[in-house]
C-alpha atoms as a PDB file:
ATOM      1  CA  MET A   1      37.329  22.536  28.155  1.00  0.00           C
ATOM      2  CA  ILE A   2      33.520  22.160  26.861  1.00  0.00           C
ATOM      3  CA  LEU A   3      34.936  22.375  23.425  1.00  0.00           C
ATOM      4  CA  GLN A   4      37.642  19.667  23.916  1.00  0.00           C
ATOM      5  CA  LYS A   5      34.897  17.547  25.873  1.00  0.00           C
ATOM      6  CA  ILE A   6      32.611  18.556  22.642  1.00  0.00           C
ATOM      7  CA  ARG A   7      35.577  17.685  19.927  1.00  0.00           C
ATOM      8  CA  ASN A   8      36.532  13.959  22.233  1.00  0.00           C
ATOM      9  CA  ASN A   9      32.473  13.108  21.801  1.00  0.00           C
ATOM     10  CA  LYS A  10      32.806  10.648  18.891  1.00  0.00           C
ATOM     11  CA  GLY A  11      29.074   9.014  17.842  1.00  0.00           C
ATOM     12  CA  PHE A  12      26.140   7.676  19.769  1.00  0.00           C
ATOM     13  CA  SER A  13      25.170   6.483  23.303  1.00  0.00           C
ATOM     14  CA  LEU A  14      23.558   3.503  23.455  1.00  0.00           C
ATOM     15  CA  ILE A  15      20.449   4.930  25.517  1.00  0.00           C
ATOM     16  CA  GLU A  16      20.566   7.131  21.967  1.00  0.00           C
ATOM     17  CA  LEU A  17      20.211   4.100  20.203  1.00  0.00           C
ATOM     18  CA  LEU A  18      17.962   2.360  21.768  1.00  0.00           C
ATOM     19  CA  GLY A  19      15.871   5.726  22.063  1.00  0.00           C
ATOM     20  CA  VAL A  20      15.897   5.533  18.744  1.00  0.00           C
ATOM     21  CA  LEU A  21      14.920   1.858  17.737  1.00  0.00           C
ATOM     22  CA  ILE A  22      11.832   2.038  19.947  1.00  0.00           C
ATOM     23  CA  ILE A  23      10.493   5.156  18.164  1.00  0.00           C
ATOM     24  CA  LEU A  24      11.168   3.655  14.667  1.00  0.00           C
ATOM     25  CA  GLY A  25       9.844   0.166  16.446  1.00  0.00           C
ATOM     26  CA  VAL A  26       6.383   2.373  17.467  1.00  0.00           C
ATOM     27  CA  LEU A  27       6.355   3.714  14.342  1.00  0.00           C
ATOM     28  CA  PHE A  28       6.223   0.364  12.167  1.00  0.00           C
ATOM     29  CA  ALA A  29       3.635  -0.771  15.098  1.00  0.00           C
ATOM     30  CA  LEU A  30       1.036   1.693  13.557  1.00  0.00           C
ATOM     31  CA  VAL A  31       2.581   2.284   9.613  1.00  0.00           C
ATOM     32  CA  VAL A  32       1.680  -1.869   9.070  1.00  0.00           C
ATOM     33  CA  PRO A  33      -1.483  -2.437  10.065  1.00  0.00           C
ATOM     34  CA  HIS A  34      -2.604   0.606   7.600  1.00  0.00           C
ATOM     35  CA  VAL A  35      -0.682  -0.443   5.347  1.00  0.00           C
ATOM     36  CA  ILE A  36      -1.926  -4.472   4.997  1.00  0.00           C
ATOM     37  CA  ASP A  37      -5.613  -2.965   5.513  1.00  0.00           C
ATOM     38  CA  PHE A  38      -5.144  -0.778   2.206  1.00  0.00           C
ATOM     39  CA  ASP A  39      -4.122  -3.869   0.188  1.00  0.00           C
ATOM     40  CA  SER A  40      -6.971  -6.018   1.518  1.00  0.00           C
ATOM     41  CA  ASN A  41      -9.442  -2.973   0.741  1.00  0.00           C
ATOM     42  CA  ALA A  42      -7.834  -2.911  -3.279  1.00  0.00           C
ATOM     43  CA  LYS A  43      -8.446  -6.674  -3.078  1.00  0.00           C
ATOM     44  CA  GLY A  44     -12.227  -6.268  -2.363  1.00  0.00           C
ATOM     45  CA  VAL A  45     -12.840  -3.143  -4.390  1.00  0.00           C
ATOM     46  CA  SER A  46     -11.624  -4.983  -7.052  1.00  0.00           C
ATOM     47  CA  GLU A  47     -13.188  -7.738  -6.797  1.00  0.00           C
ATOM     48  CA  ASN A  48     -16.630  -5.088  -7.405  1.00  0.00           C
ATOM     49  CA  TYR A  49     -15.737  -3.769  -9.672  1.00  0.00           C
ATOM     50  CA  GLU A  50     -14.648  -7.856 -11.967  1.00  0.00           C
ATOM     51  CA  GLY A  51     -18.222  -8.402 -11.304  1.00  0.00           C
ATOM     52  CA  LYS A  52     -19.945  -4.870 -12.134  1.00  0.00           C
ATOM     53  CA  ALA A  53     -17.870  -5.004 -15.465  1.00  0.00           C
ATOM     54  CA  GLN A  54     -19.281  -8.467 -16.062  1.00  0.00           C
ATOM     55  CA  GLU A  55     -22.929  -7.179 -15.040  1.00  0.00           C
ATOM     56  CA  ARG A  56     -22.319  -5.088 -16.958  1.00  0.00           C
ATOM     57  CA  LEU A  57     -20.788  -7.174 -20.111  1.00  0.00           C
ATOM     58  CA  ASP A  58     -24.330  -9.673 -19.464  1.00  0.00           C
ATOM     59  CA  VAL A  59     -27.144  -6.854 -20.012  1.00  0.00           C
ATOM     60  CA  PHE A  60     -24.812  -6.007 -23.625  1.00  0.00           C
ATOM     61  CA  LYS A  61     -25.543  -8.821 -25.195  1.00  0.00           C
ATOM     62  CA  GLN A  62     -28.805  -9.403 -23.498  1.00  0.00           C
ATOM     63  CA  TYR A  63     -30.115  -6.636 -25.308  1.00  0.00           C
ATOM     64  CA  GLY A  64     -28.362  -8.144 -28.495  1.00  0.00           C
ATOM     65  CA  GLY A  65     -24.314  -6.641 -27.986  1.00  0.00           C
ATOM     66  CA  LYS A  66     -22.256  -8.538 -29.513  1.00  0.00           C
ATOM     67  CA  ASP A  67     -19.273 -10.092 -27.501  1.00  0.00           C
ATOM     68  CA  ASN A  68     -16.726  -9.898 -30.529  1.00  0.00           C
ATOM     69  CA  LEU A  69     -16.608  -5.755 -31.025  1.00  0.00           C
ATOM     70  CA  PHE A  70     -12.876  -5.683 -32.111  1.00  0.00           C
ATOM     71  CA  GLU A  71     -12.926  -8.688 -34.995  1.00  0.00           C
ATOM     72  CA  LYS A  72     -12.263  -7.688 -37.905  1.00  0.00           C
ATOM     73  CA  LYS A  73     -15.554  -7.965 -40.609  1.00  0.00           C
ATOM     74  CA  GLU A  74     -14.949 -10.908 -43.957  1.00  0.00           C
END
């Protein structure tokens, strides 16, 4: 009798599906702000490195460095 009920039970109940959706919603609510924050942090870091690279290039030029190091010499 119990085995027949288990075998006839196909699919998930509405409560089980709502529970899964609530859990997924909570996970997304926790994860999405961190992913957005990583993107903004990456932009700030890349701008910082670009600024430092430009400063070093300016110092290199100040001490007689050439801007066209990779051009062929004639």
